C-alpha atoms as a PDB file:
ATOM      1  CA  MET A   1     101.581  79.400 -19.141  1.00  0.00           C
ATOM      2  CA  THR A   2     101.014  77.892 -15.936  1.00  0.00           C
ATOM      3  CA  ALA A   3     103.408  75.851 -14.269  1.00  0.00           C
ATOM      4  CA  ALA A   4     103.533  73.358 -11.366  1.00  0.00           C
ATOM      5  CA  VAL A   5     107.039  73.888  -9.350  1.00  0.00           C
ATOM      6  CA  ILE A   6     107.986  70.361  -7.557  1.00  0.00           C
ATOM      7  CA  SER A   7     110.558  70.255  -5.232  1.00  0.00           C
ATOM      8  CA  LEU A   8     112.132  67.744  -2.857  1.00  0.00           C
ATOM      9  CA  THR A   9     114.932  69.402  -0.630  1.00  0.00           C
ATOM     10  CA  GLU A  10     115.181  72.330   1.338  1.00  0.00           C
ATOM     11  CA  ARG A  11     117.276  74.061  -1.025  1.00  0.00           C
ATOM     12  CA  GLY A  12     114.912  73.198  -3.760  1.00  0.00           C
ATOM     13  CA  ARG A  13     111.948  74.641  -1.689  1.00  0.00           C
ATOM     14  CA  LEU A  14     114.115  77.908  -1.499  1.00  0.00           C
ATOM     15  CA  LEU A  15     114.642  77.579  -5.302  1.00  0.00           C
ATOM     16  CA  SER A  16     110.815  76.903  -6.003  1.00  0.00           C
ATOM     17  CA  GLU A  17     110.075  80.086  -4.095  1.00  0.00           C
ATOM     18  CA  ARG A  18     112.470  82.317  -6.120  1.00  0.00           C
ATOM     19  CA  ILE A  19     110.978  80.736  -9.472  1.00  0.00           C
ATOM     20  CA  ALA A  20     107.413  81.385  -8.168  1.00  0.00           C
ATOM     21  CA  GLU A  21     108.373  85.036  -7.245  1.00  0.00           C
ATOM     22  CA  SER A  22     110.100  85.719 -10.511  1.00  0.00           C
ATOM     23  CA  GLY A  23     107.171  85.957 -12.633  1.00  0.00           C
ATOM     24  CA  VAL A  24     108.435  83.551 -15.242  1.00  0.00           C
ATOM     25  CA  CYS A  25     104.938  82.027 -15.443  1.00  0.00           C
ATOM     26  CA  GLU A  26     101.840  81.333 -13.268  1.00  0.00           C
ATOM     27  CA  CYS A  27     103.099  79.028 -10.502  1.00  0.00           C
ATOM     28  CA  GLY A  28     101.921  76.509  -8.288  1.00  0.00           C
ATOM     29  CA  ARG A  29     104.373  75.174  -5.663  1.00  0.00           C
ATOM     30  CA  PHE A  30     104.270  71.550  -4.253  1.00  0.00           C
ATOM     31  CA  CYS A  31     106.996  70.687  -1.708  1.00  0.00           C
ATOM     32  CA  PHE A  32     107.975  67.390  -0.343  1.00  0.00           C
ATOM     33  CA  PHE A  33     106.360  67.282   3.029  1.00  0.00           C
ATOM     34  CA  LYS A  34     109.775  67.322   5.133  1.00  0.00           C
ATOM     35  CA  HIS A  35     110.451  70.678   3.379  1.00  0.00           C
ATOM     36  CA  THR A  36     107.574  72.724   2.824  1.00  0.00           C
ATOM     37  CA  ASP A  37     106.101  76.160   3.938  1.00  0.00           C
ATOM     38  CA  PRO A  38     102.569  77.673   4.126  1.00  0.00           C
ATOM     39  CA  LYS A  39     102.536  78.954   0.473  1.00  0.00           C
ATOM     40  CA  ALA A  40     103.233  75.448  -0.911  1.00  0.00           C
ATOM     41  CA  GLU A  41     100.898  72.353  -1.182  1.00  0.00           C
ATOM     42  CA  SER A  42     102.923  69.294   0.424  1.00  0.00           C
ATOM     43  CA  PHE A  43     103.292  65.773  -0.892  1.00  0.00           C
ATOM     44  CA  SER A  44     104.796  62.607   0.047  1.00  0.00           C
ATOM     45  CA  ASP A  45     104.666  60.600  -3.284  1.00  0.00           C
ATOM     46  CA  ILE A  46     106.020  62.406  -6.185  1.00  0.00           C
ATOM     47  CA  GLY A  47     104.646  59.669  -8.656  1.00  0.00           C
ATOM     48  CA  GLN A  48     100.971  60.329  -7.410  1.00  0.00           C
ATOM     49  CA  LEU A  49     101.660  64.071  -7.605  1.00  0.00           C
ATOM     50  CA  THR A  50     102.851  64.045 -10.939  1.00  0.00           C
ATOM     51  CA  GLU A  51      99.820  61.953 -12.277  1.00  0.00           C
ATOM     52  CA  ARG A  52      97.409  64.566 -10.766  1.00  0.00           C
ATOM     53  CA  LEU A  53      99.404  67.541 -12.189  1.00  0.00           C
ATOM     54  CA  PHE A  54     100.563  66.085 -15.573  1.00  0.00           C
ATOM     55  CA  GLY A  55      97.128  67.117 -17.600  1.00  0.00           C
ATOM     56  CA  GLU A  56      96.295  70.092 -15.097  1.00  0.00           C
ATOM     57  CA  TYR A  57      99.164  72.366 -16.099  1.00  0.00           C
ATOM     58  CA  ASP A  58     100.914  73.639 -19.202  1.00  0.00           C
ATOM     59  CA  ALA A  59     104.552  72.876 -17.628  1.00  0.00           C
ATOM     60  CA  LEU A  60     106.003  70.847 -14.766  1.00  0.00           C
ATOM     61  CA  ILE A  61     109.274  72.207 -13.250  1.00  0.00           C
ATOM     62  CA  PHE A  62     111.018  69.590 -11.279  1.00  0.00           C
ATOM     63  CA  VAL A  63     113.645  71.109  -8.838  1.00  0.00           C
ATOM     64  CA  CYS A  64     115.689  67.710  -8.310  1.00  0.00           C
ATOM     65  CA  ALA A  65     117.676  65.252 -10.280  1.00  0.00           C
ATOM     66  CA  CYS A  66     116.645  64.703 -13.758  1.00  0.00           C
ATOM     67  CA  GLY A  67     116.460  60.887 -13.253  1.00  0.00           C
ATOM     68  CA  ILE A  68     113.947  61.365 -10.688  1.00  0.00           C
ATOM     69  CA  ALA A  69     111.877  63.817 -13.161  1.00  0.00           C
ATOM     70  CA  VAL A  70     111.937  61.139 -15.921  1.00  0.00           C
ATOM     71  CA  ARG A  71     110.811  58.522 -13.936  1.00  0.00           C
ATOM     72  CA  ALA A  72     107.747  60.681 -12.558  1.00  0.00           C
ATOM     73  CA  ILE A  73     106.694  61.543 -16.023  1.00  0.00           C
ATOM     74  CA  ALA A  74     107.325  58.337 -18.072  1.00  0.00           C
ATOM     75  CA  PRO A  75     104.137  56.581 -17.306  1.00  0.00           C
ATOM     76  CA  HIS A  76     102.264  59.779 -18.750  1.00  0.00           C
ATOM     77  CA  ILE A  77     103.834  60.539 -21.736  1.00  0.00           C
ATOM     78  CA  ARG A  78     101.599  60.268 -25.067  1.00  0.00           C
ATOM     79  CA  SER A  79     102.238  62.942 -27.668  1.00  0.00           C
ATOM     80  CA  LYS A  80     104.374  66.170 -28.200  1.00  0.00           C
ATOM     81  CA  LEU A  81     101.201  67.677 -29.433  1.00  0.00           C
ATOM     82  CA  THR A  82      99.487  67.253 -26.309  1.00  0.00           C
ATOM     83  CA  ASP A  83     102.142  66.659 -23.316  1.00  0.00           C
ATOM     84  CA  PRO A  84     102.954  69.595 -20.997  1.00  0.00           C
ATOM     85  CA  ALA A  85     106.534  71.442 -21.152  1.00  0.00           C
ATOM     86  CA  VAL A  86     108.684  69.508 -18.564  1.00  0.00           C
ATOM     87  CA  VAL A  87     111.895  71.156 -17.238  1.00  0.00           C
ATOM     88  CA  ALA A  88     114.185  70.095 -14.587  1.00  0.00           C
ATOM     89  CA  THR A  89     116.743  71.910 -12.533  1.00  0.00           C
ATOM     90  CA  ASP A  90     119.030  70.887 -10.010  1.00  0.00           C
ATOM     91  CA  ASP A  91     118.405  72.300  -6.260  1.00  0.00           C
ATOM     92  CA  SER A  92     121.382  74.681  -6.488  1.00  0.00           C
ATOM     93  CA  GLY A  93     120.001  76.358  -9.893  1.00  0.00           C
ATOM     94  CA  ARG A  94     122.720  75.589 -12.081  1.00  0.00           C
ATOM     95  CA  PHE A  95     121.139  74.016 -14.862  1.00  0.00           C
ATOM     96  CA  ALA A  96     117.860  74.110 -16.356  1.00  0.00           C
ATOM     97  CA  VAL A  97     117.142  71.037 -18.627  1.00  0.00           C
ATOM     98  CA  PRO A  98     114.140  70.897 -20.947  1.00  0.00           C
ATOM     99  CA  LEU A  99     112.920  67.032 -20.943  1.00  0.00           C
ATOM    100  CA  LEU A 100     109.810  66.904 -22.656  1.00  0.00           C
ATOM    101  CA  SER A 101     108.096  69.285 -25.405  1.00  0.00           C
ATOM    102  CA  GLY A 102     110.976  71.399 -26.043  1.00  0.00           C
ATOM    103  CA  HIS A 103     109.228  73.178 -28.790  1.00  0.00           C
ATOM    104  CA  ILE A 104     105.510  72.692 -29.159  1.00  0.00           C
ATOM    105  CA  GLY A 105     105.092  72.651 -25.365  1.00  0.00           C
ATOM    106  CA  GLY A 106     107.378  75.415 -24.862  1.00  0.00           C
ATOM    107  CA  ALA A 107     110.148  73.746 -22.660  1.00  0.00           C
ATOM    108  CA  ASN A 108     113.220  75.115 -24.584  1.00  0.00           C
ATOM    109  CA  ALA A 109     111.687  78.582 -23.876  1.00  0.00           C
ATOM    110  CA  LEU A 110     110.928  77.910 -20.435  1.00  0.00           C
ATOM    111  CA  ALA A 111     114.364  76.639 -19.623  1.00  0.00           C
ATOM    112  CA  ARG A 112     115.735  79.914 -21.103  1.00  0.00           C
ATOM    113  CA  ARG A 113     113.356  81.997 -19.111  1.00  0.00           C
ATOM    114  CA  LEU A 114     114.335  80.175 -16.031  1.00  0.00           C
ATOM    115  CA  ALA A 115     117.979  80.398 -16.920  1.00  0.00           C
ATOM    116  CA  GLU A 116     117.404  84.368 -16.851  1.00  0.00           C
ATOM    117  CA  VAL A 117     116.037  84.596 -13.483  1.00  0.00           C
ATOM    118  CA  THR A 118     117.905  82.269 -11.496  1.00  0.00           C
ATOM    119  CA  GLY A 119     121.492  82.581 -13.045  1.00  0.00           C
ATOM    120  CA  ALA A 120     121.282  78.980 -14.390  1.00  0.00           C
ATOM    121  CA  GLN A 121     122.484  77.561 -17.711  1.00  0.00           C
ATOM    122  CA  ALA A 122     119.637  76.396 -20.047  1.00  0.00           C
ATOM    123  CA  ALA A 123     120.877  72.694 -21.300  1.00  0.00           C
ATOM    124  CA  VAL A 124     118.910  72.791 -24.564  1.00  0.00           C
ATOM    125  CA  THR A 125     119.801  69.439 -26.502  1.00  0.00           C
ATOM    126  CA  THR A 126     117.325  69.546 -29.521  1.00  0.00           C
ATOM    127  CA  ALA A 127     119.372  69.446 -32.823  1.00  0.00           C
ATOM    128  CA  THR A 128     117.975  72.547 -34.615  1.00  0.00           C
ATOM    129  CA  ASP A 129     118.374  74.634 -31.319  1.00  0.00           C
ATOM    130  CA  SER A 130     121.820  73.720 -30.551  1.00  0.00           C
ATOM    131  CA  GLY A 131     122.752  74.590 -34.361  1.00  0.00           C
ATOM    132  CA  GLY A 132     120.748  77.737 -34.351  1.00  0.00           C
ATOM    133  CA  LEU A 133     118.492  76.422 -37.285  1.00  0.00           C
ATOM    134  CA  PHE A 134     115.240  76.702 -38.259  1.00  0.00           C
ATOM    135  CA  SER A 135     112.636  74.628 -36.389  1.00  0.00           C
ATOM    136  CA  PRO A 136     109.128  73.855 -37.896  1.00  0.00           C
ATOM    137  CA  ASP A 137     108.010  73.126 -34.257  1.00  0.00           C
ATOM    138  CA  CYS A 138     109.117  76.036 -32.563  1.00  0.00           C
ATOM    139  CA  PHE A 139     108.356  78.218 -35.439  1.00  0.00           C
ATOM    140  CA  ALA A 140     104.580  76.942 -35.326  1.00  0.00           C
ATOM    141  CA  ALA A 141     104.256  77.257 -31.805  1.00  0.00           C
ATOM    142  CA  ALA A 142     105.692  80.658 -31.565  1.00  0.00           C
ATOM    143  CA  ASN A 143     103.059  82.064 -34.440  1.00  0.00           C
ATOM    144  CA  GLY A 144     100.013  80.105 -33.161  1.00  0.00           C
ATOM    145  CA  LEU A 145     100.154  77.755 -36.240  1.00  0.00           C
ATOM    146  CA  ASN A 146      98.470  74.382 -35.757  1.00  0.00           C
ATOM    147  CA  ILE A 147     100.703  71.352 -37.080  1.00  0.00           C
ATOM    148  CA  THR A 148      98.627  68.976 -39.106  1.00  0.00           C
ATOM    149  CA  ASP A 149     101.183  66.210 -39.758  1.00  0.00           C
ATOM    150  CA  MET A 150     103.979  65.441 -37.210  1.00  0.00           C
ATOM    151  CA  ALA A 151     105.442  63.150 -39.959  1.00  0.00           C
ATOM    152  CA  ALA A 152     105.976  65.834 -42.319  1.00  0.00           C
ATOM    153  CA  ALA A 153     107.356  68.200 -39.584  1.00  0.00           C
ATOM    154  CA  LYS A 154     110.182  65.627 -38.777  1.00  0.00           C
ATOM    155  CA  GLU A 155     111.134  65.087 -42.333  1.00  0.00           C
ATOM    156  CA  ILE A 156     111.464  68.856 -42.661  1.00  0.00           C
ATOM    157  CA  ALA A 157     113.629  69.287 -39.398  1.00  0.00           C
ATOM    158  CA  ALA A 158     115.712  66.335 -40.793  1.00  0.00           C
ATOM    159  CA  ALA A 159     116.007  68.243 -44.208  1.00  0.00           C
ATOM    160  CA  VAL A 160     117.069  71.461 -42.532  1.00  0.00           C
ATOM    161  CA  LEU A 161     119.972  69.635 -40.323  1.00  0.00           C
ATOM    162  CA  ASP A 162     121.008  67.894 -43.766  1.00  0.00           C
ATOM    163  CA  GLY A 163     121.172  71.415 -45.289  1.00  0.00           C
ATOM    164  CA  GLU A 164     118.169  71.302 -47.475  1.00  0.00           C
ATOM    165  CA  LYS A 165     116.341  74.573 -48.455  1.00  0.00           C
ATOM    166  CA  ILE A 166     112.813  74.650 -47.141  1.00  0.00           C
ATOM    167  CA  GLY A 167     110.015  75.789 -49.811  1.00  0.00           C
ATOM    168  CA  LEU A 168     107.344  78.254 -48.416  1.00  0.00           C
ATOM    169  CA  MET A 169     103.957  79.045 -49.806  1.00  0.00           C
ATOM    170  CA  THR A 170     101.567  81.358 -48.201  1.00  0.00           C
ATOM    171  CA  ASP A 171      99.532  84.446 -48.820  1.00  0.00           C
ATOM    172  CA  CYS A 172     100.142  85.585 -45.099  1.00  0.00           C
ATOM    173  CA  GLU A 173     102.717  88.528 -44.752  1.00  0.00           C
ATOM    174  CA  CYS A 174     106.057  87.136 -43.732  1.00  0.00           C
ATOM    175  CA  LEU A 175     108.735  88.730 -41.792  1.00  0.00           C
ATOM    176  CA  ASN A 176     112.464  87.641 -41.202  1.00  0.00           C
ATOM    177  CA  ILE A 177     112.500  84.764 -43.399  1.00  0.00           C
ATOM    178  CA  PRO A 178     115.722  82.821 -42.426  1.00  0.00           C
ATOM    179  CA  PRO A 179     117.973  81.475 -45.094  1.00  0.00           C
ATOM    180  CA  GLU A 180     116.833  77.955 -44.992  1.00  0.00           C
ATOM    181  CA  ILE A 181     113.558  79.065 -46.352  1.00  0.00           C
ATOM    182  CA  THR A 182     112.876  79.829 -50.068  1.00  0.00           C
ATOM    183  CA  ARG A 183     110.146  80.898 -51.841  1.00  0.00           C
ATOM    184  CA  GLY A 184     111.533  78.761 -54.980  1.00  0.00           C
ATOM    185  CA  ALA A 185     111.211  75.187 -55.884  1.00  0.00           C
ATOM    186  CA  ALA A 186     111.967  72.772 -53.132  1.00  0.00           C
ATOM    187  CA  ARG A 187     111.143  69.120 -52.307  1.00  0.00           C
ATOM    188  CA  CYS A 188     110.075  69.801 -48.658  1.00  0.00           C
ATOM    189  CA  GLY A 189     108.073  72.815 -47.893  1.00  0.00           C
ATOM    190  CA  ILE A 190     105.602  74.528 -45.619  1.00  0.00           C
ATOM    191  CA  TYR A 191     102.365  75.819 -46.505  1.00  0.00           C
ATOM    192  CA  ILE A 192     100.407  78.252 -44.358  1.00  0.00           C
ATOM    193  CA  GLY A 193      96.887  78.686 -44.767  1.00  0.00           C
ATOM    194  CA  SER A 194      93.508  76.720 -44.336  1.00  0.00           C
ATOM    195  CA  GLU A 195      93.224  75.565 -47.863  1.00  0.00           C
ATOM    196  CA  ASP A 196      93.652  71.898 -48.662  1.00  0.00           C
ATOM    197  CA  VAL A 197      96.834  71.933 -51.000  1.00  0.00           C
ATOM    198  CA  HIS A 198     100.181  70.242 -51.135  1.00  0.00           C
ATOM    199  CA  PRO A 199     102.521  72.242 -53.248  1.00  0.00           C
ATOM    200  CA  PHE A 200     105.694  70.300 -52.066  1.00  0.00           C
ATOM    201  CA  GLU A 201     106.675  66.789 -52.378  1.00  0.00           C
ATOM    202  CA  VAL A 202     106.670  66.691 -48.425  1.00  0.00           C
ATOM    203  CA  THR A 203     104.207  69.537 -47.484  1.00  0.00           C
ATOM    204  CA  LEU A 204     103.646  70.688 -43.889  1.00  0.00           C
ATOM    205  CA  SER A 205     100.135  72.444 -43.537  1.00  0.00           C
ATOM    206  CA  LEU A 206     100.390  74.926 -40.933  1.00  0.00           C
ATOM    207  CA  VAL A 207      96.757  76.383 -40.224  1.00  0.00           C
ATOM    208  CA  PRO A 208      96.762  79.800 -38.692  1.00  0.00           C
ATOM    209  CA  LYS A 209      94.605  80.695 -35.646  1.00  0.00           C
ATOM    210  CA  ASP A 210      93.017  83.468 -37.412  1.00  0.00           C
ATOM    211  CA  LEU A 211      89.092  83.359 -36.610  1.00  0.00           C
ATOM    212  CA  VAL A 212      87.620  85.363 -33.866  1.00  0.00           C
ATOM    213  CA  LEU A 213      84.261  83.213 -32.890  1.00  0.00           C
ATOM    214  CA  GLY A 214      81.163  85.664 -31.680  1.00  0.00           C
ATOM    215  CA  ILE A 215      78.796  83.852 -29.711  1.00  0.00           C
ATOM    216  CA  GLY A 216      75.351  84.542 -28.372  1.00  0.00           C
ATOM    217  CA  CYS A 217      73.262  82.095 -26.405  1.00  0.00           C
ATOM    218  CA  ARG A 218      70.519  81.413 -23.970  1.00  0.00           C
ATOM    219  CA  LYS A 219      71.111  81.379 -20.239  1.00  0.00           C
ATOM    220  CA  GLY A 220      72.497  78.046 -18.855  1.00  0.00           C
ATOM    221  CA  ILE A 221      73.472  76.594 -22.147  1.00  0.00           C
ATOM    222  CA  SER A 222      76.048  73.704 -22.063  1.00  0.00           C
ATOM    223  CA  ALA A 223      79.372  73.392 -23.634  1.00  0.00           C
ATOM    224  CA  ASP A 224      78.343  70.738 -25.818  1.00  0.00           C
ATOM    225  CA  SER A 225      75.529  72.570 -27.207  1.00  0.00           C
ATOM    226  CA  ILE A 226      77.889  75.439 -27.991  1.00  0.00           C
ATOM    227  CA  ALA A 227      80.358  72.981 -29.487  1.00  0.00           C
ATOM    228  CA  GLU A 228      77.535  71.245 -31.744  1.00  0.00           C
ATOM    229  CA  ALA A 229      76.310  74.744 -32.651  1.00  0.00           C
ATOM    230  CA  VAL A 230      79.494  75.985 -33.662  1.00  0.00           C
ATOM    231  CA  GLU A 231      80.367  72.774 -35.913  1.00  0.00           C
ATOM    232  CA  SER A 232      76.830  73.103 -37.439  1.00  0.00           C
ATOM    233  CA  ALA A 233      77.849  76.620 -38.599  1.00  0.00           C
ATOM    234  CA  GLY A 234      80.936  75.350 -40.423  1.00  0.00           C
ATOM    235  CA  ILE A 235      83.727  77.105 -38.160  1.00  0.00           C
ATOM    236  CA  ASP A 236      86.814  75.389 -37.805  1.00  0.00           C
ATOM    237  CA  THR A 237      87.607  75.205 -34.042  1.00  0.00           C
ATOM    238  CA  ALA A 238      91.303  74.855 -34.792  1.00  0.00           C
ATOM    239  CA  ARG A 239      91.360  78.262 -36.195  1.00  0.00           C
ATOM    240  CA  ILE A 240      89.976  80.129 -33.320  1.00  0.00           C
ATOM    241  CA  TYR A 241      92.182  82.118 -31.318  1.00  0.00           C
ATOM    242  CA  THR A 242      89.558  84.340 -29.195  1.00  0.00           C
ATOM    243  CA  VAL A 243      85.861  83.792 -28.074  1.00  0.00           C
ATOM    244  CA  ALA A 244      83.849  87.169 -27.902  1.00  0.00           C
ATOM    245  CA  SER A 245      80.327  87.779 -26.620  1.00  0.00           C
ATOM    246  CA  ILE A 246      78.163  90.589 -24.691  1.00  0.00           C
ATOM    247  CA  ASP A 247      79.352  91.240 -21.062  1.00  0.00           C
ATOM    248  CA  ARG A 248      76.063  89.698 -19.628  1.00  0.00           C
ATOM    249  CA  LYS A 249      77.441  86.503 -20.485  1.00  0.00           C
ATOM    250  CA  LEU A 250      80.669  86.962 -18.668  1.00  0.00           C
ATOM    251  CA  GLY A 251      80.603  84.108 -15.826  1.00  0.00           C
ATOM    252  CA  GLU A 252      78.293  81.896 -18.151  1.00  0.00           C
ATOM    253  CA  ARG A 253      79.112  78.205 -17.181  1.00  0.00           C
ATOM    254  CA  GLY A 254      78.990  76.675 -20.406  1.00  0.00           C
ATOM    255  CA  LEU A 255      80.719  79.516 -22.335  1.00  0.00           C
ATOM    256  CA  THR A 256      83.593  79.221 -19.699  1.00  0.00           C
ATOM    257  CA  GLU A 257      83.782  75.549 -20.242  1.00  0.00           C
ATOM    258  CA  PHE A 258      83.752  75.730 -23.834  1.00  0.00           C
ATOM    259  CA  CYS A 259      86.640  78.254 -24.083  1.00  0.00           C
ATOM    260  CA  LYS A 260      88.488  76.246 -21.409  1.00  0.00           C
ATOM    261  CA  ARG A 261      88.322  73.261 -23.818  1.00  0.00           C
ATOM    262  CA  LEU A 262      89.635  75.399 -26.828  1.00  0.00           C
ATOM    263  CA  GLY A 263      92.375  76.835 -24.286  1.00  0.00           C
ATOM    264  CA  VAL A 264      91.664  80.371 -25.765  1.00  0.00           C
ATOM    265  CA  PRO A 265      90.355  83.627 -24.093  1.00  0.00           C
ATOM    266  CA  PHE A 266      86.977  84.932 -23.763  1.00  0.00           C
ATOM    267  CA  VAL A 267      86.122  88.503 -24.056  1.00  0.00           C
ATOM    268  CA  THR A 268      83.163  90.538 -23.629  1.00  0.00           C
ATOM    269  CA  PHE A 269      81.760  93.937 -24.582  1.00  0.00           C
ATOM    270  CA  SER A 270      78.961  96.017 -23.173  1.00  0.00           C
ATOM    271  CA  ALA A 271      76.066  96.637 -25.474  1.00  0.00           C
ATOM    272  CA  ASP A 272      77.208 100.262 -26.079  1.00  0.00           C
ATOM    273  CA  GLU A 273      80.682  99.115 -27.099  1.00  0.00           C
ATOM    274  CA  LEU A 274      78.754  96.505 -29.694  1.00  0.00           C
ATOM    275  CA  LYS A 275      76.740  99.171 -31.022  1.00  0.00           C
ATOM    276  CA  ALA A 276      79.651 101.376 -32.038  1.00  0.00           C
ATOM    277  CA  VAL A 277      81.317  98.518 -33.756  1.00  0.00           C
ATOM    278  CA  GLY A 278      81.214  99.542 -37.731  1.00  0.00           C
ATOM    279  CA  GLY A 279      79.871  96.972 -40.340  1.00  0.00           C
ATOM    280  CA  ASP A 280      77.055  95.506 -42.146  1.00  0.00           C
ATOM    281  CA  PHE A 281      75.385  93.212 -39.590  1.00  0.00           C
ATOM    282  CA  GLY A 282      72.336  91.235 -39.108  1.00  0.00           C
ATOM    283  CA  HIS A 283      69.487  92.839 -37.236  1.00  0.00           C
ATOM    284  CA  SER A 284      67.018  91.531 -34.539  1.00  0.00           C
ATOM    285  CA  GLU A 285      64.497  93.599 -32.816  1.00  0.00           C
ATOM    286  CA  PHE A 286      64.128  90.405 -30.434  1.00  0.00           C
ATOM    287  CA  VAL A 287      68.018  90.511 -29.563  1.00  0.00           C
ATOM    288  CA  GLU A 288      67.981  94.298 -29.179  1.00  0.00           C
ATOM    289  CA  LYS A 289      65.168  94.069 -26.844  1.00  0.00           C
ATOM    290  CA  ILE A 290      66.798  91.366 -24.545  1.00  0.00           C
ATOM    291  CA  THR A 291      70.384  92.838 -24.709  1.00  0.00           C
ATOM    292  CA  GLY A 292      70.624  96.261 -25.827  1.00  0.00           C
ATOM    293  CA  VAL A 293      72.188  95.473 -29.404  1.00  0.00           C
ATOM    294  CA  ASP A 294      70.731  94.024 -32.420  1.00  0.00           C
ATOM    295  CA  ASN A 295      73.475  91.502 -33.053  1.00  0.00           C
ATOM    296  CA  VAL A 296      75.606  90.080 -30.472  1.00  0.00           C
ATOM    297  CA  CYS A 297      77.703  87.326 -32.318  1.00  0.00           C
ATOM    298  CA  GLU A 298      78.890  89.253 -35.441  1.00  0.00           C
ATOM    299  CA  ARG A 299      79.412  92.563 -33.550  1.00  0.00           C
ATOM    300  CA  SER A 300      81.415  90.855 -30.945  1.00  0.00           C
ATOM    301  CA  ALA A 301      83.384  88.735 -33.472  1.00  0.00           C
ATOM    302  CA  ALA A 302      84.132  92.020 -35.460  1.00  0.00           C
ATOM    303  CA  ALA A 303      84.978  94.016 -32.273  1.00  0.00           C
ATOM    304  CA  VAL A 304      88.016  91.812 -31.578  1.00  0.00           C
ATOM    305  CA  SER A 305      89.208  90.930 -35.149  1.00  0.00           C
ATOM    306  CA  GLY A 306      88.847  94.263 -36.788  1.00  0.00           C
ATOM    307  CA  GLY A 307      88.365  92.171 -39.931  1.00  0.00           C
ATOM    308  CA  GLU A 308      85.521  90.943 -42.279  1.00  0.00           C
ATOM    309  CA  ILE A 309      82.921  88.719 -41.074  1.00  0.00           C
ATOM    310  CA  VAL A 310      83.415  85.297 -42.816  1.00  0.00           C
ATOM    311  CA  ILE A 311      80.631  83.256 -41.499  1.00  0.00           C
ATOM    312  CA  LYS A 312      77.579  85.190 -40.879  1.00  0.00           C
ATOM    313  CA  LYS A 313      75.116  84.551 -38.001  1.00  0.00           C
ATOM    314  CA  THR A 314      74.103  81.042 -37.732  1.00  0.00           C
ATOM    315  CA  ALA A 315      71.474  80.061 -34.830  1.00  0.00           C
ATOM    316  CA  SER A 316      71.121  76.297 -33.496  1.00  0.00           C
ATOM    317  CA  ASN A 317      69.666  75.158 -30.427  1.00  0.00           C
ATOM    318  CA  GLY A 318      69.689  78.392 -28.386  1.00  0.00           C
ATOM    319  CA  VAL A 319      73.201  79.259 -29.743  1.00  0.00           C
ATOM    320  CA  THR A 320      74.157  82.095 -32.220  1.00  0.00           C
ATOM    321  CA  ALA A 321      77.399  81.853 -33.811  1.00  0.00           C
ATOM    322  CA  ALA A 322      79.776  83.940 -36.085  1.00  0.00           C
ATOM    323  CA  ALA A 323      83.134  84.221 -37.129  1.00  0.00           C
ATOM    324  CA  ALA A 324      85.542  86.984 -38.209  1.00  0.00           C
ATOM    325  CA  VAL A 325      89.011  86.603 -39.591  1.00  0.00           C
ATOM    326  CA  ARG A 326      92.054  88.653 -38.640  1.00  0.00           C
ATOM    327  CA  LYS A 327      95.212  89.609 -40.683  1.00  0.00           C
ATOM    328  CA  THR A 328      97.990  87.070 -40.172  1.00  0.00           C
ATOM    329  CA  VAL A 329     101.377  88.415 -40.123  1.00  0.00           C
ATOM    330  CA  ILE A 330     103.869  85.520 -39.849  1.00  0.00           C
ATOM    331  CA  ASP A 331     107.271  86.235 -37.929  1.00  0.00           C
ATOM    332  CA  PHE A 332     109.969  83.727 -38.400  1.00  0.00           C
ATOM    333  CA  ALA A 333     112.361  85.792 -35.552  1.00  0.00           C
ATOM    334  CA  LYS A 334     109.450  85.461 -33.229  1.00  0.00           C
ATOM    335  CA  GLU A 335     110.193  83.839 -29.906  1.00  0.00           C
ATOM    336  CA  GLN A 336     107.927  81.221 -28.300  1.00  0.00           C
ATOM    337  CA  ARG A 337     106.083  82.452 -25.276  1.00  0.00           C
ATOM    338  CA  ARG A 338     103.707  80.086 -24.176  1.00  0.00           C
END
């Protein structure tokens, strides 16, 4: 998680320095021009600064009054699926208050981590958290599951608060299933998987990020061309958790941009490492002559996942793509670390 730490006062500047040095997350510091230092970027208008940072960072940490933070972010709030986490802490470091994107964005978890390193009290106000109950939003974020229907997520959260049992259907291995969840009949329930099924009257489908995308491409290929090739190969980008290729593609601009759009890491392997990967892969003498290995996309996908290739090598407009699936283990007790 990357966070912008925004302070207004001298005490706030000192606290922002403590936060940045704590390692709670990767921080950029922004201090009001009257109270700044050489390690921070100074600003004079918090509204203009917030507009710039809102889509640039995973989280915004305001070291100031909640009211100031609320007014700064208000014009930019769009959706809990896309808005950054926003936390406000007073400049004395007494309270850390999640203001926006508590579950999916990770503001609740961030507030708790800030409390640990600053001695503050995390003032988490979401109903499921304050009651110690199962939260579909937080559960999905912690396990890397994509929420497909926010209306269903809200109805399930409300059902939990009303004391209803929530159904569960999945082929994934599940650990630490809480008492609110049942494998039996239920009105509301969760399906974890990639099929289009609706086993409950109200079904929240959660799609695992369980695919490694293996990519081979010509030099200078654009991110748009890569995206088009991946789509034409029938690979669901919502399920991708890592993109992999050969090390000669490290720094390739189009690949870097494509991974940035998806918000996933890009990993590479040497030709020798790829050749050592076991499995049944396609063979290309041309690719082997150029790269030193007979198949880049399938081998790199398998090198990360350790699982089977579910979409074989597909070539399109200078891009080869393949996908491998990893085993998904769902842990209901897993804490959110975004």
